[in-house]
Amino acid sequence: MPINDLKQLLNPSKDGELGDIVQRAQAMGTLTSALCRSLPESDRHAIVAANVRDDGELVVICASSAWASRLRYETEKLLQAASDAGVKAATCKVRVAQG
């Protein structure tokens, strides 16, 4: 596949075939970064990814069950960080990444 065709396919600013997926991935990356910044520096690496479901549930994926336990105590802070990033979330669920 020529490089120009691939750029068009992945172009999030146009109606490329995968544009919606690229936009969603960028939004998830931005949200994940915002949540990480809300934590103390020593804990920032605990979050692997984050997303908001259509029902307003913030889902935070962390690296281990130990981190999940710690992050569950930070749900209010995580919800506030999501709100500060322009994401409306009513509840927060912390999950462990599948290894």
Foldseek 3Di string as FASTA:
>chain_A
DDPVLVCQLCPLVDVHVCNVVNVQVVVFVLLLVLLLVLDPVVLSQQFDTWDADPVQEIETEGADPVSQVVCVVVFVSSCVSCVVVVRRHDYYHYHYDDD
